Amino acid sequence: MIKQGEKRNLNLKRKLRGEMTFAEKRLWLRLKGKQINGLKFRRQHGIGDYIVDFYCPEKRLVIEVDGDVHAYVKQIERDREREGYLKALGLQIVRYTNWDILTNLEEVVEDLFRRVSK
């Protein structure tokens, strides 16, 4: 069972929804409204102590959008810890870079269609 996001993160989730990056906004326009195989996606969704960029509960799929900060050693370590926690819950994590979304959005969407069609 997936632990619901911490209530203390509620204001942070709201803030993150209002301050999404351009790449996150662009991807959200393709995820919202059940456009991908009729599946519902949530944005800035809390799971335990973490807030994931996008989450599809039906497929137990987490989508992370990585900007430049994810190339730094400390962030890489945090990402590994976070992924370990999420994978231990039986979740699948897929990562796309801002660059992927901004330059190859159709390929990103096609990749998502393939992943959720399995």
N, C-alpha and C. Protein backbone atom coordinates (compact mmCIF):
# COMPACT_ATOMS: atom_id res chain seq x y z
N MET A 1 0.84 -1.18 0.00
CA MET A 1 0.00 0.00 0.00
C MET A 1 0.88 1.24 0.00
N ILE A 2 0.49 2.23 -0.76
CA ILE A 2 1.27 3.46 -0.86
C ILE A 2 0.85 4.42 0.22
N LYS A 3 1.84 4.90 0.95
CA LYS A 3 1.58 5.86 2.02
C LYS A 3 1.22 7.20 1.41
N GLN A 4 0.10 7.73 1.83
CA GLN A 4 -0.34 9.03 1.34
C GLN A 4 0.71 10.08 1.69
N GLY A 5 0.79 11.11 0.89
CA GLY A 5 1.74 12.19 1.13
C GLY A 5 1.52 12.83 2.49
N GLU A 6 2.60 13.32 3.05
CA GLU A 6 2.54 13.96 4.36
C GLU A 6 1.71 15.24 4.28
N LYS A 7 0.82 15.42 5.25
CA LYS A 7 -0.04 16.61 5.27
C LYS A 7 0.79 17.89 5.39
N ARG A 8 1.95 17.79 6.02
CA ARG A 8 2.79 18.97 6.18
C ARG A 8 3.29 19.49 4.83
N ASN A 9 3.22 18.66 3.80
CA ASN A 9 3.69 19.06 2.47
C ASN A 9 2.59 19.68 1.61
N LEU A 10 1.38 19.80 2.13
CA LEU A 10 0.25 20.28 1.34
C LEU A 10 0.51 21.66 0.74
N ASN A 11 0.98 22.60 1.54
CA ASN A 11 1.25 23.94 1.03
C ASN A 11 2.37 23.92 0.01
N LEU A 12 3.38 23.08 0.23
CA LEU A 12 4.48 22.98 -0.72
C LEU A 12 3.98 22.43 -2.05
N LYS A 13 3.11 21.41 -2.01
CA LYS A 13 2.56 20.86 -3.25
C LYS A 13 1.79 21.92 -4.02
N ARG A 14 0.99 22.70 -3.30
CA ARG A 14 0.24 23.77 -3.96
C ARG A 14 1.19 24.78 -4.59
N LYS A 15 2.23 25.13 -3.86
CA LYS A 15 3.22 26.08 -4.39
C LYS A 15 3.89 25.52 -5.65
N LEU A 16 4.29 24.25 -5.60
CA LEU A 16 4.95 23.63 -6.75
C LEU A 16 4.02 23.57 -7.96
N ARG A 17 2.73 23.34 -7.74
CA ARG A 17 1.78 23.32 -8.86
C ARG A 17 1.71 24.69 -9.52
N GLY A 18 1.82 25.73 -8.72
CA GLY A 18 1.76 27.09 -9.25
C GLY A 18 3.06 27.55 -9.88
N GLU A 19 4.15 26.85 -9.57
CA GLU A 19 5.47 27.26 -10.07
C GLU A 19 6.11 26.18 -10.93
N MET A 20 5.31 25.46 -11.68
CA MET A 20 5.86 24.40 -12.53
C MET A 20 6.80 25.01 -13.57
N THR A 21 7.83 24.24 -13.92
CA THR A 21 8.74 24.70 -14.97
C THR A 21 8.02 24.66 -16.31
N PHE A 22 8.59 25.31 -17.29
CA PHE A 22 7.98 25.32 -18.62
C PHE A 22 7.84 23.89 -19.15
N ALA A 23 8.88 23.08 -18.93
CA ALA A 23 8.83 21.68 -19.39
C ALA A 23 7.72 20.91 -18.68
N GLU A 24 7.58 21.10 -17.37
CA GLU A 24 6.52 20.42 -16.63
C GLU A 24 5.14 20.86 -17.13
N LYS A 25 4.97 22.14 -17.37
CA LYS A 25 3.69 22.65 -17.89
C LYS A 25 3.38 22.04 -19.24
N ARG A 26 4.40 21.97 -20.07
CA ARG A 26 4.22 21.42 -21.42
C ARG A 26 3.80 19.95 -21.36
N LEU A 27 4.46 19.18 -20.50
CA LEU A 27 4.10 17.77 -20.36
C LEU A 27 2.72 17.63 -19.73
N TRP A 28 2.40 18.47 -18.75
CA TRP A 28 1.10 18.41 -18.08
C TRP A 28 -0.04 18.61 -19.08
N LEU A 29 0.15 19.48 -20.06
CA LEU A 29 -0.89 19.70 -21.07
C LEU A 29 -1.21 18.41 -21.83
N ARG A 30 -0.25 17.49 -21.90
CA ARG A 30 -0.46 16.22 -22.60
C ARG A 30 -0.93 15.11 -21.67
N LEU A 31 -0.73 15.29 -20.35
CA LEU A 31 -1.12 14.26 -19.39
C LEU A 31 -2.53 14.47 -18.84
N LYS A 32 -2.90 15.73 -18.64
CA LYS A 32 -4.18 16.00 -17.97
C LYS A 32 -5.36 15.62 -18.86
N GLY A 33 -6.49 15.42 -18.22
CA GLY A 33 -7.70 15.10 -18.97
C GLY A 33 -7.72 13.71 -19.56
N LYS A 34 -6.95 12.79 -18.98
CA LYS A 34 -6.95 11.38 -19.40
C LYS A 34 -6.63 11.21 -20.89
N GLN A 35 -5.69 12.00 -21.40
CA GLN A 35 -5.33 11.95 -22.82
C GLN A 35 -4.48 10.73 -23.18
N ILE A 36 -3.84 10.13 -22.19
CA ILE A 36 -2.97 8.99 -22.46
C ILE A 36 -3.67 7.71 -22.00
N ASN A 37 -4.21 6.98 -22.96
CA ASN A 37 -4.91 5.71 -22.71
C ASN A 37 -6.03 5.84 -21.67
N GLY A 38 -6.61 7.01 -21.54
CA GLY A 38 -7.70 7.20 -20.59
C GLY A 38 -7.27 7.17 -19.13
N LEU A 39 -5.99 7.32 -18.87
CA LEU A 39 -5.46 7.23 -17.52
C LEU A 39 -5.38 8.60 -16.85
N LYS A 40 -5.67 8.61 -15.57
CA LYS A 40 -5.60 9.85 -14.80
C LYS A 40 -4.17 10.03 -14.26
N PHE A 41 -3.64 11.22 -14.45
CA PHE A 41 -2.35 11.59 -13.89
C PHE A 41 -2.56 12.72 -12.90
N ARG A 42 -1.78 12.70 -11.84
CA ARG A 42 -1.81 13.76 -10.84
C ARG A 42 -0.48 14.49 -10.92
N ARG A 43 -0.51 15.78 -10.65
CA ARG A 43 0.75 16.55 -10.67
C ARG A 43 1.13 16.96 -9.26
N GLN A 44 2.44 17.01 -9.03
CA GLN A 44 2.98 17.36 -7.72
C GLN A 44 2.26 16.56 -6.64
N HIS A 45 2.34 15.26 -6.76
CA HIS A 45 1.61 14.33 -5.90
C HIS A 45 2.51 13.82 -4.76
N GLY A 46 1.99 13.84 -3.55
CA GLY A 46 2.75 13.37 -2.40
C GLY A 46 2.65 11.87 -2.21
N ILE A 47 3.83 11.26 -2.01
CA ILE A 47 3.92 9.84 -1.67
C ILE A 47 4.92 9.75 -0.51
N GLY A 48 4.41 9.45 0.66
CA GLY A 48 5.27 9.44 1.84
C GLY A 48 5.85 10.83 2.06
N ASP A 49 7.16 10.89 2.26
CA ASP A 49 7.83 12.18 2.49
C ASP A 49 8.14 12.92 1.19
N TYR A 50 7.86 12.30 0.06
CA TYR A 50 8.28 12.86 -1.23
C TYR A 50 7.12 13.45 -2.02
N ILE A 51 7.46 14.37 -2.88
CA ILE A 51 6.50 14.93 -3.83
C ILE A 51 7.04 14.62 -5.22
N VAL A 52 6.28 13.84 -5.97
CA VAL A 52 6.71 13.47 -7.32
C VAL A 52 6.07 14.43 -8.33
N ASP A 53 6.73 14.60 -9.47
CA ASP A 53 6.21 15.54 -10.46
C ASP A 53 4.85 15.11 -10.98
N PHE A 54 4.75 13.85 -11.43
CA PHE A 54 3.48 13.32 -11.94
C PHE A 54 3.33 11.88 -11.48
N TYR A 55 2.07 11.47 -11.27
CA TYR A 55 1.81 10.12 -10.79
C TYR A 55 0.53 9.59 -11.41
N CYS A 56 0.60 8.36 -11.91
CA CYS A 56 -0.56 7.66 -12.44
C CYS A 56 -0.84 6.47 -11.52
N PRO A 57 -1.86 6.61 -10.65
CA PRO A 57 -2.12 5.53 -9.68
C PRO A 57 -2.51 4.20 -10.32
N GLU A 58 -3.26 4.24 -11.42
CA GLU A 58 -3.70 2.98 -12.06
C GLU A 58 -2.52 2.14 -12.54
N LYS A 59 -1.47 2.78 -12.99
CA LYS A 59 -0.30 2.07 -13.50
C LYS A 59 0.88 2.10 -12.52
N ARG A 60 0.67 2.74 -11.36
CA ARG A 60 1.74 2.85 -10.36
C ARG A 60 3.00 3.41 -10.99
N LEU A 61 2.81 4.46 -11.77
CA LEU A 61 3.88 5.07 -12.55
C LEU A 61 4.16 6.48 -12.07
N VAL A 62 5.42 6.73 -11.76
CA VAL A 62 5.90 8.06 -11.37
C VAL A 62 6.68 8.62 -12.53
N ILE A 63 6.39 9.87 -12.88
CA ILE A 63 7.14 10.56 -13.93
C ILE A 63 7.88 11.72 -13.27
N GLU A 64 9.19 11.75 -13.46
CA GLU A 64 10.02 12.83 -12.95
C GLU A 64 10.59 13.62 -14.12
N VAL A 65 10.53 14.93 -14.00
CA VAL A 65 11.08 15.82 -15.02
C VAL A 65 12.34 16.43 -14.42
N ASP A 66 13.47 16.12 -15.03
CA ASP A 66 14.76 16.52 -14.48
C ASP A 66 15.34 17.72 -15.20
N GLY A 67 15.61 18.75 -14.42
CA GLY A 67 16.32 19.93 -14.92
C GLY A 67 17.80 19.77 -14.66
N ASP A 68 18.54 20.85 -14.88
CA ASP A 68 20.00 20.83 -14.74
C ASP A 68 20.46 20.45 -13.34
N VAL A 69 19.69 20.79 -12.33
CA VAL A 69 20.08 20.52 -10.94
C VAL A 69 20.29 19.03 -10.68
N HIS A 70 19.65 18.18 -11.46
CA HIS A 70 19.75 16.74 -11.26
C HIS A 70 21.09 16.17 -11.71
N ALA A 71 21.96 17.01 -12.26
CA ALA A 71 23.29 16.56 -12.68
C ALA A 71 24.32 16.71 -11.56
N TYR A 72 23.96 17.40 -10.48
CA TYR A 72 24.89 17.61 -9.37
C TYR A 72 24.94 16.38 -8.46
N VAL A 73 26.13 16.10 -7.94
CA VAL A 73 26.36 14.89 -7.15
C VAL A 73 25.38 14.76 -5.99
N LYS A 74 25.18 15.81 -5.21
CA LYS A 74 24.26 15.73 -4.06
C LYS A 74 22.84 15.41 -4.50
N GLN A 75 22.42 16.00 -5.61
CA GLN A 75 21.07 15.73 -6.11
C GLN A 75 20.96 14.31 -6.65
N ILE A 76 21.99 13.83 -7.28
CA ILE A 76 22.00 12.44 -7.78
C ILE A 76 21.82 11.48 -6.61
N GLU A 77 22.51 11.76 -5.49
CA GLU A 77 22.38 10.92 -4.30
C GLU A 77 20.96 10.97 -3.74
N ARG A 78 20.37 12.18 -3.68
CA ARG A 78 18.99 12.31 -3.19
C ARG A 78 18.03 11.57 -4.11
N ASP A 79 18.26 11.70 -5.43
CA ASP A 79 17.38 11.01 -6.39
C ASP A 79 17.45 9.50 -6.22
N ARG A 80 18.64 8.96 -5.97
CA ARG A 80 18.79 7.51 -5.76
C ARG A 80 18.03 7.05 -4.52
N GLU A 81 18.16 7.82 -3.44
CA GLU A 81 17.45 7.49 -2.20
C GLU A 81 15.94 7.51 -2.41
N ARG A 82 15.49 8.54 -3.08
CA ARG A 82 14.07 8.70 -3.38
C ARG A 82 13.57 7.57 -4.26
N GLU A 83 14.34 7.23 -5.30
CA GLU A 83 13.94 6.14 -6.19
C GLU A 83 13.89 4.82 -5.46
N GLY A 84 14.84 4.59 -4.56
CA GLY A 84 14.84 3.36 -3.77
C GLY A 84 13.56 3.23 -2.96
N TYR A 85 13.16 4.33 -2.33
CA TYR A 85 11.92 4.34 -1.54
C TYR A 85 10.71 4.05 -2.43
N LEU A 86 10.63 4.73 -3.55
CA LEU A 86 9.48 4.57 -4.45
C LEU A 86 9.43 3.17 -5.06
N LYS A 87 10.59 2.65 -5.44
CA LYS A 87 10.62 1.29 -6.01
C LYS A 87 10.25 0.25 -4.97
N ALA A 88 10.62 0.49 -3.70
CA ALA A 88 10.27 -0.44 -2.63
C ALA A 88 8.75 -0.51 -2.46
N LEU A 89 8.05 0.53 -2.88
CA LEU A 89 6.59 0.53 -2.84
C LEU A 89 5.98 -0.14 -4.07
N GLY A 90 6.84 -0.60 -4.97
CA GLY A 90 6.36 -1.25 -6.19
C GLY A 90 6.03 -0.29 -7.31
N LEU A 91 6.55 0.94 -7.22
CA LEU A 91 6.28 1.93 -8.26
C LEU A 91 7.35 1.89 -9.34
N GLN A 92 6.92 2.19 -10.55
CA GLN A 92 7.85 2.32 -11.67
C GLN A 92 8.15 3.81 -11.82
N ILE A 93 9.42 4.14 -12.01
CA ILE A 93 9.83 5.54 -12.16
C ILE A 93 10.41 5.73 -13.54
N VAL A 94 9.93 6.75 -14.21
CA VAL A 94 10.49 7.12 -15.51
C VAL A 94 10.93 8.58 -15.42
N ARG A 95 12.10 8.85 -15.97
CA ARG A 95 12.65 10.21 -15.93
C ARG A 95 12.82 10.74 -17.35
N TYR A 96 12.44 11.98 -17.50
CA TYR A 96 12.69 12.70 -18.74
C TYR A 96 13.38 14.01 -18.38
N THR A 97 14.28 14.44 -19.22
CA THR A 97 14.93 15.72 -18.97
C THR A 97 14.07 16.85 -19.53
N ASN A 98 14.30 18.03 -19.00
CA ASN A 98 13.63 19.21 -19.57
C ASN A 98 13.89 19.26 -21.07
N TRP A 99 15.12 18.99 -21.45
CA TRP A 99 15.52 19.05 -22.86
C TRP A 99 14.68 18.09 -23.70
N ASP A 100 14.50 16.86 -23.21
CA ASP A 100 13.68 15.86 -23.93
C ASP A 100 12.28 16.41 -24.19
N ILE A 101 11.68 16.98 -23.14
CA ILE A 101 10.31 17.47 -23.25
C ILE A 101 10.23 18.69 -24.16
N LEU A 102 11.20 19.57 -24.06
CA LEU A 102 11.15 20.80 -24.84
C LEU A 102 11.49 20.57 -26.31
N THR A 103 12.30 19.56 -26.61
CA THR A 103 12.72 19.35 -28.00
C THR A 103 12.10 18.13 -28.66
N ASN A 104 11.62 17.17 -27.86
CA ASN A 104 11.09 15.92 -28.42
C ASN A 104 9.82 15.48 -27.70
N LEU A 105 8.90 16.39 -27.48
CA LEU A 105 7.69 16.08 -26.71
C LEU A 105 6.93 14.89 -27.30
N GLU A 106 6.81 14.81 -28.61
CA GLU A 106 6.06 13.71 -29.20
C GLU A 106 6.71 12.37 -28.90
N GLU A 107 8.04 12.31 -28.89
CA GLU A 107 8.72 11.06 -28.55
C GLU A 107 8.50 10.70 -27.08
N VAL A 108 8.50 11.70 -26.20
CA VAL A 108 8.23 11.47 -24.78
C VAL A 108 6.81 10.90 -24.63
N VAL A 109 5.84 11.49 -25.29
CA VAL A 109 4.46 11.03 -25.20
C VAL A 109 4.33 9.62 -25.77
N GLU A 110 4.99 9.34 -26.88
CA GLU A 110 4.96 7.99 -27.46
C GLU A 110 5.57 6.97 -26.49
N ASP A 111 6.67 7.36 -25.83
CA ASP A 111 7.29 6.47 -24.84
C ASP A 111 6.32 6.19 -23.70
N LEU A 112 5.62 7.20 -23.24
CA LEU A 112 4.63 7.01 -22.17
C LEU A 112 3.49 6.10 -22.62
N PHE A 113 3.01 6.29 -23.86
CA PHE A 113 1.96 5.39 -24.38
C PHE A 113 2.44 3.94 -24.34
N ARG A 114 3.68 3.71 -24.76
CA ARG A 114 4.23 2.32 -24.76
C ARG A 114 4.27 1.78 -23.33
N ARG A 115 4.74 2.60 -22.40
CA ARG A 115 4.88 2.14 -21.02
C ARG A 115 3.53 1.81 -20.37
N VAL A 116 2.52 2.61 -20.61
CA VAL A 116 1.23 2.37 -19.96
C VAL A 116 0.39 1.35 -20.71
N SER A 117 0.80 0.98 -21.90
CA SER A 117 0.05 -0.01 -22.68
C SER A 117 0.47 -1.44 -22.34
N LYS A 118 1.49 -1.59 -21.55
CA LYS A 118 1.99 -2.94 -21.20
C LYS A 118 1.07 -3.60 -20.20
